[in-house]
Each structure stands twice: as structure tokens, then as C-alpha cells.
N, C-alpha and C. Protein backbone atom coordinates (compact mmCIF):
# COMPACT_ATOMS: atom_id res chain seq x y z
N GLN A 1 147.21 112.21 293.35
CA GLN A 1 147.30 111.55 292.06
C GLN A 1 146.10 111.97 291.22
N VAL A 2 146.38 112.65 290.12
CA VAL A 2 145.32 113.15 289.26
C VAL A 2 144.80 112.03 288.40
N GLN A 3 143.48 111.82 288.48
CA GLN A 3 142.87 110.74 287.72
C GLN A 3 142.15 111.23 286.48
N LEU A 4 141.60 112.45 286.56
CA LEU A 4 140.86 113.04 285.45
C LEU A 4 141.52 114.36 285.09
N VAL A 5 141.89 114.54 283.85
CA VAL A 5 142.53 115.77 283.39
C VAL A 5 141.62 116.45 282.37
N GLU A 6 141.23 117.67 282.71
CA GLU A 6 140.32 118.42 281.85
C GLU A 6 141.07 119.46 281.04
N SER A 7 140.48 119.82 279.91
CA SER A 7 141.01 120.93 279.10
C SER A 7 139.89 121.45 278.23
N GLY A 8 140.12 122.64 277.65
CA GLY A 8 139.21 123.15 276.64
C GLY A 8 138.37 124.35 277.03
N GLY A 9 138.44 124.79 278.27
CA GLY A 9 137.66 125.95 278.66
C GLY A 9 138.23 127.23 278.07
N GLY A 10 137.52 128.32 278.30
CA GLY A 10 138.01 129.61 277.82
C GLY A 10 136.90 130.63 277.74
N LEU A 11 137.21 131.72 277.05
CA LEU A 11 136.27 132.82 276.85
C LEU A 11 135.69 132.71 275.45
N VAL A 12 134.38 132.81 275.35
CA VAL A 12 133.71 132.70 274.05
C VAL A 12 132.55 133.69 274.03
N GLN A 13 132.23 134.20 272.85
CA GLN A 13 131.11 135.11 272.71
C GLN A 13 129.79 134.34 272.71
N PRO A 14 128.72 135.01 273.09
CA PRO A 14 127.40 134.35 273.01
C PRO A 14 127.14 133.83 271.61
N GLY A 15 126.59 132.61 271.54
CA GLY A 15 126.36 131.96 270.26
C GLY A 15 127.52 131.12 269.79
N GLY A 16 128.65 131.21 270.46
CA GLY A 16 129.83 130.47 270.06
C GLY A 16 129.83 129.04 270.59
N SER A 17 130.94 128.36 270.33
CA SER A 17 131.07 126.95 270.70
C SER A 17 132.41 126.70 271.40
N LEU A 18 132.40 125.68 272.24
CA LEU A 18 133.61 125.20 272.89
C LEU A 18 133.49 123.70 273.03
N ARG A 19 134.64 123.02 273.09
CA ARG A 19 134.63 121.59 273.37
C ARG A 19 135.56 121.33 274.55
N LEU A 20 134.99 120.74 275.58
CA LEU A 20 135.76 120.35 276.76
C LEU A 20 136.18 118.89 276.62
N SER A 21 137.36 118.59 277.16
CA SER A 21 137.88 117.22 277.13
C SER A 21 138.21 116.77 278.54
N CYS A 22 138.04 115.49 278.77
CA CYS A 22 138.37 114.88 280.06
C CYS A 22 139.04 113.55 279.78
N THR A 23 140.32 113.47 280.11
CA THR A 23 141.09 112.27 279.83
C THR A 23 141.40 111.54 281.14
N SER A 24 141.23 110.23 281.11
CA SER A 24 141.49 109.43 282.31
C SER A 24 142.40 108.25 281.95
N SER A 25 142.73 107.48 282.98
CA SER A 25 143.43 106.23 282.71
C SER A 25 142.47 105.26 282.03
N GLU A 26 143.04 104.28 281.35
CA GLU A 26 142.20 103.33 280.63
C GLU A 26 141.30 102.55 281.59
N SER A 27 141.84 102.18 282.75
CA SER A 27 141.06 101.37 283.70
C SER A 27 139.85 102.13 284.21
N ILE A 28 140.04 103.40 284.53
CA ILE A 28 138.90 104.21 284.98
C ILE A 28 137.92 104.40 283.85
N PHE A 29 138.42 104.68 282.65
CA PHE A 29 137.55 104.95 281.52
C PHE A 29 136.66 103.76 281.23
N LEU A 30 137.20 102.56 281.36
CA LEU A 30 136.42 101.37 281.02
C LEU A 30 135.40 101.00 282.09
N MET A 31 135.68 101.31 283.34
CA MET A 31 134.82 100.86 284.45
C MET A 31 133.83 101.91 284.92
N TYR A 32 134.18 103.18 284.80
CA TYR A 32 133.39 104.22 285.43
C TYR A 32 132.40 104.85 284.44
N THR A 33 131.36 105.44 285.01
CA THR A 33 130.38 106.20 284.24
C THR A 33 130.73 107.68 284.33
N PHE A 34 130.77 108.34 283.20
CA PHE A 34 131.24 109.73 283.15
C PHE A 34 130.11 110.72 282.94
N GLY A 35 130.33 111.91 283.50
CA GLY A 35 129.40 113.00 283.30
C GLY A 35 130.11 114.33 283.45
N TRP A 36 129.40 115.39 283.13
CA TRP A 36 129.90 116.75 283.29
C TRP A 36 128.98 117.53 284.21
N TYR A 37 129.57 118.26 285.15
CA TYR A 37 128.87 119.15 286.04
C TYR A 37 129.39 120.57 285.82
N ARG A 38 128.64 121.52 286.35
CA ARG A 38 129.12 122.91 286.33
C ARG A 38 128.68 123.61 287.61
N GLN A 39 129.46 124.62 287.96
CA GLN A 39 129.13 125.43 289.14
C GLN A 39 129.38 126.88 288.82
N ALA A 40 128.31 127.64 288.84
CA ALA A 40 128.41 129.08 288.63
C ALA A 40 128.60 129.77 289.98
N PRO A 41 129.15 130.99 289.99
CA PRO A 41 129.37 131.70 291.25
C PRO A 41 128.08 131.83 292.06
N GLY A 42 128.15 131.45 293.32
CA GLY A 42 127.00 131.58 294.21
C GLY A 42 125.94 130.53 294.02
N LYS A 43 126.20 129.54 293.18
CA LYS A 43 125.20 128.50 292.92
C LYS A 43 125.78 127.14 293.25
N GLN A 44 124.88 126.18 293.41
CA GLN A 44 125.30 124.81 293.67
C GLN A 44 125.79 124.15 292.36
N ARG A 45 126.63 123.16 292.55
CA ARG A 45 127.09 122.40 291.40
C ARG A 45 125.90 121.60 290.84
N GLU A 46 125.77 121.62 289.52
CA GLU A 46 124.65 120.93 288.90
C GLU A 46 125.14 120.00 287.79
N LEU A 47 124.38 118.93 287.59
CA LEU A 47 124.69 118.00 286.53
C LEU A 47 124.28 118.60 285.19
N VAL A 48 125.18 118.55 284.22
CA VAL A 48 124.91 119.10 282.90
C VAL A 48 124.59 117.99 281.91
N ALA A 49 125.44 116.98 281.88
CA ALA A 49 125.26 115.89 280.92
C ALA A 49 125.93 114.66 281.47
N THR A 50 125.38 113.51 281.17
CA THR A 50 125.96 112.28 281.67
C THR A 50 125.62 111.11 280.77
N PHE A 51 126.51 110.12 280.76
CA PHE A 51 126.17 108.83 280.22
C PHE A 51 125.37 108.10 281.29
N THR A 52 124.39 107.35 280.86
CA THR A 52 123.65 106.51 281.79
C THR A 52 124.04 105.06 281.50
N SER A 53 123.14 104.22 281.12
CA SER A 53 123.49 102.83 280.81
C SER A 53 123.99 102.72 279.37
N GLY A 54 125.12 102.04 279.23
CA GLY A 54 125.68 101.89 277.89
C GLY A 54 126.02 103.24 277.30
N ASP A 55 125.56 103.50 276.10
CA ASP A 55 125.82 104.77 275.43
C ASP A 55 124.67 105.75 275.56
N ASN A 56 123.70 105.43 276.40
CA ASN A 56 122.59 106.37 276.58
C ASN A 56 123.09 107.61 277.32
N THR A 57 122.45 108.73 277.06
CA THR A 57 122.85 110.00 277.65
C THR A 57 121.66 110.73 278.25
N ASN A 58 121.97 111.65 279.14
CA ASN A 58 120.94 112.48 279.73
C ASN A 58 121.48 113.89 279.89
N TYR A 59 120.62 114.88 279.71
CA TYR A 59 121.05 116.27 279.76
C TYR A 59 120.14 117.09 280.66
N GLU A 60 120.73 118.10 281.27
CA GLU A 60 119.96 119.09 282.02
C GLU A 60 119.12 119.85 281.01
N ASP A 61 117.92 120.25 281.41
CA ASP A 61 116.96 120.81 280.46
C ASP A 61 117.51 122.02 279.71
N SER A 62 118.24 122.87 280.37
CA SER A 62 118.66 124.12 279.75
C SER A 62 119.74 123.92 278.68
N VAL A 63 120.38 122.76 278.65
CA VAL A 63 121.44 122.53 277.67
C VAL A 63 121.04 121.51 276.62
N ARG A 64 119.91 120.85 276.82
CA ARG A 64 119.51 119.81 275.87
C ARG A 64 119.33 120.44 274.48
N GLY A 65 119.93 119.80 273.49
CA GLY A 65 119.88 120.33 272.12
C GLY A 65 121.04 121.24 271.79
N ARG A 66 121.76 121.70 272.81
CA ARG A 66 122.92 122.59 272.57
C ARG A 66 124.24 121.91 272.94
N PHE A 67 124.20 121.04 273.94
CA PHE A 67 125.40 120.35 274.41
C PHE A 67 125.32 118.88 274.03
N THR A 68 126.48 118.29 273.77
CA THR A 68 126.55 116.86 273.45
C THR A 68 127.72 116.24 274.20
N ILE A 69 127.44 115.18 274.94
CA ILE A 69 128.49 114.42 275.59
C ILE A 69 128.84 113.25 274.69
N SER A 70 130.13 112.99 274.57
CA SER A 70 130.58 111.88 273.73
C SER A 70 131.88 111.34 274.29
N ARG A 71 132.38 110.26 273.71
CA ARG A 71 133.63 109.69 274.20
C ARG A 71 134.40 109.03 273.06
N ASP A 72 135.70 109.01 273.27
CA ASP A 72 136.61 108.35 272.35
C ASP A 72 137.29 107.23 273.12
N ASN A 73 136.87 106.01 272.88
CA ASN A 73 137.39 104.89 273.65
C ASN A 73 138.89 104.70 273.44
N ALA A 74 139.36 104.95 272.25
CA ALA A 74 140.78 104.76 271.97
C ALA A 74 141.66 105.75 272.73
N GLU A 75 141.10 106.91 273.03
CA GLU A 75 141.86 107.96 273.73
C GLU A 75 141.50 108.05 275.21
N SER A 76 140.59 107.20 275.68
CA SER A 76 140.11 107.26 277.08
C SER A 76 139.69 108.68 277.45
N THR A 77 138.95 109.29 276.56
CA THR A 77 138.58 110.69 276.72
C THR A 77 137.08 110.87 276.53
N VAL A 78 136.51 111.70 277.38
CA VAL A 78 135.11 112.10 277.28
C VAL A 78 135.08 113.58 276.89
N TYR A 79 134.15 113.92 276.03
CA TYR A 79 134.03 115.30 275.55
C TYR A 79 132.68 115.89 275.92
N LEU A 80 132.67 117.20 276.01
CA LEU A 80 131.42 117.95 276.09
C LEU A 80 131.49 119.03 275.02
N GLN A 81 130.75 118.82 273.95
CA GLN A 81 130.64 119.81 272.88
C GLN A 81 129.52 120.77 273.24
N MET A 82 129.87 122.04 273.34
CA MET A 82 128.90 123.06 273.72
C MET A 82 128.72 124.03 272.57
N SER A 83 127.48 124.20 272.15
CA SER A 83 127.16 125.10 271.04
C SER A 83 126.09 126.09 271.48
N SER A 84 125.92 127.13 270.68
CA SER A 84 124.93 128.17 270.99
C SER A 84 125.05 128.62 272.44
N LEU A 85 126.25 128.88 272.85
CA LEU A 85 126.49 129.22 274.24
C LEU A 85 125.84 130.53 274.63
N LYS A 86 125.40 130.58 275.88
CA LYS A 86 124.71 131.73 276.44
C LYS A 86 125.50 132.23 277.65
N PRO A 87 125.33 133.49 278.01
CA PRO A 87 126.01 134.00 279.21
C PRO A 87 125.71 133.18 280.46
N GLU A 88 124.51 132.64 280.54
CA GLU A 88 124.15 131.83 281.72
C GLU A 88 124.85 130.47 281.75
N ASP A 89 125.57 130.12 280.70
CA ASP A 89 126.38 128.91 280.72
C ASP A 89 127.74 129.14 281.38
N THR A 90 128.03 130.37 281.72
CA THR A 90 129.29 130.69 282.38
C THR A 90 129.38 129.98 283.73
N ALA A 91 130.46 129.23 283.91
CA ALA A 91 130.64 128.43 285.12
C ALA A 91 131.98 127.72 285.05
N VAL A 92 132.35 127.12 286.16
CA VAL A 92 133.45 126.17 286.14
C VAL A 92 132.85 124.79 285.85
N TYR A 93 133.39 124.12 284.85
CA TYR A 93 132.88 122.83 284.43
C TYR A 93 133.79 121.72 284.95
N TYR A 94 133.17 120.69 285.51
CA TYR A 94 133.90 119.59 286.11
C TYR A 94 133.53 118.27 285.44
N CYS A 95 134.53 117.50 285.14
CA CYS A 95 134.32 116.13 284.71
C CYS A 95 134.17 115.24 285.95
N HIS A 96 133.29 114.28 285.87
CA HIS A 96 133.04 113.39 287.00
C HIS A 96 132.97 111.96 286.51
N ALA A 97 133.57 111.05 287.28
CA ALA A 97 133.52 109.62 286.95
C ALA A 97 133.07 108.87 288.20
N LYS A 98 132.11 107.99 288.05
CA LYS A 98 131.60 107.25 289.20
C LYS A 98 131.51 105.76 288.89
N TYR A 99 131.67 104.99 289.96
CA TYR A 99 131.52 103.54 289.87
C TYR A 99 130.79 103.10 291.13
N TYR A 100 129.56 102.70 290.99
CA TYR A 100 128.74 102.35 292.14
C TYR A 100 128.24 100.91 292.00
N THR A 101 128.37 100.15 293.09
CA THR A 101 127.69 98.85 293.19
C THR A 101 126.92 98.85 294.50
N ASP A 102 126.28 97.76 294.81
CA ASP A 102 125.53 97.69 296.07
C ASP A 102 126.44 97.82 297.28
N SER A 103 127.69 97.43 297.13
CA SER A 103 128.58 97.40 298.30
C SER A 103 129.80 98.31 298.15
N TYR A 104 129.91 99.02 297.06
CA TYR A 104 131.12 99.79 296.82
C TYR A 104 130.79 101.04 296.02
N GLN A 105 131.41 102.17 296.42
CA GLN A 105 131.24 103.41 295.67
C GLN A 105 132.59 104.07 295.49
N SER A 106 132.83 104.57 294.32
CA SER A 106 134.06 105.29 294.04
C SER A 106 133.76 106.37 293.02
N HIS A 107 134.35 107.52 293.19
CA HIS A 107 134.18 108.55 292.18
C HIS A 107 135.37 109.50 292.18
N TYR A 108 135.55 110.16 291.04
CA TYR A 108 136.64 111.11 290.85
C TYR A 108 136.09 112.38 290.22
N TRP A 109 136.77 113.49 290.53
CA TRP A 109 136.45 114.78 289.92
C TRP A 109 137.67 115.30 289.17
N GLY A 110 137.40 115.95 288.06
CA GLY A 110 138.45 116.68 287.39
C GLY A 110 138.75 117.98 288.16
N GLN A 111 139.78 118.67 287.71
CA GLN A 111 140.22 119.88 288.42
C GLN A 111 139.35 121.09 288.12
N GLY A 112 138.48 120.97 287.13
CA GLY A 112 137.61 122.08 286.75
C GLY A 112 138.25 122.95 285.68
N THR A 113 137.41 123.43 284.77
CA THR A 113 137.88 124.33 283.72
C THR A 113 136.85 125.45 283.57
N GLN A 114 137.33 126.68 283.50
CA GLN A 114 136.45 127.84 283.46
C GLN A 114 135.93 128.05 282.04
N VAL A 115 134.62 128.22 281.95
CA VAL A 115 133.98 128.61 280.70
C VAL A 115 133.29 129.95 280.94
N THR A 116 133.65 130.94 280.16
CA THR A 116 133.07 132.27 280.28
C THR A 116 132.45 132.66 278.94
N VAL A 117 131.16 132.97 278.98
CA VAL A 117 130.45 133.37 277.78
C VAL A 117 130.09 134.85 277.93
N SER A 118 130.75 135.66 277.14
CA SER A 118 130.58 137.10 277.28
C SER A 118 130.99 137.80 275.99
N SER A 119 130.32 138.91 275.72
CA SER A 119 130.70 139.71 274.57
C SER A 119 131.66 140.82 274.97
């Protein structure tokens, strides 16, 4: 059962922009905390951007100022707007949703979407 559906990846030239989308069910969207990860070939998956408490956000150093995580509550969708893209941003990008309490943990991953930055 697919809980997170991603879209928006593709091929873009250096300096270009892309917007990734991650749509979930309303129940997951309201309860879970969302973030975006990426995994480049031969590298570990890394956190790119995430919501923390409330509407606060946090970004990996290399994308801060270029990427923006946002959400549309009416559409149960989280976005990752990527600008000034660089070849080193090439990776498979994954949406992640987590719900953690002291006694319970649950999380979901999207299917991944390829982002390729190349001229």
C-alpha cells in the first residue's frame, strides 16, 4: 500500500530549478513530520530538508539558501523547491514521513524520484 507518492524529478541543466512533490493521505499528512532525503550513487542516504516543530525547517548545509521545503495542507502535499541546481545535487530524492513518541515509532518512504543535473 503506497502511502507517499512522489513526482517532479527529471533532467535539468546546472543553474536550473525543479520542484518535487510528495502527496500522502490526509491522516498521515496531519500526524507525521515530513522531510526530504537524497541518495547519490555510491553514497549514503542523507537528509536534505525537513520540517521540525510546527512550521520550522532545517536544511543540509550544501542546499541551504537554494532549496525550500513547503507544504500545502489542502492538498496533503509537501514540496521541495530546488533552485540553482548543481551537478552534485544529482541523486534519487526520497520523501519521508515520521511519527515518533516515547512508545511508538512509524515512518514511511516515498518511491524515490531521480534528479539529474547535467549539461
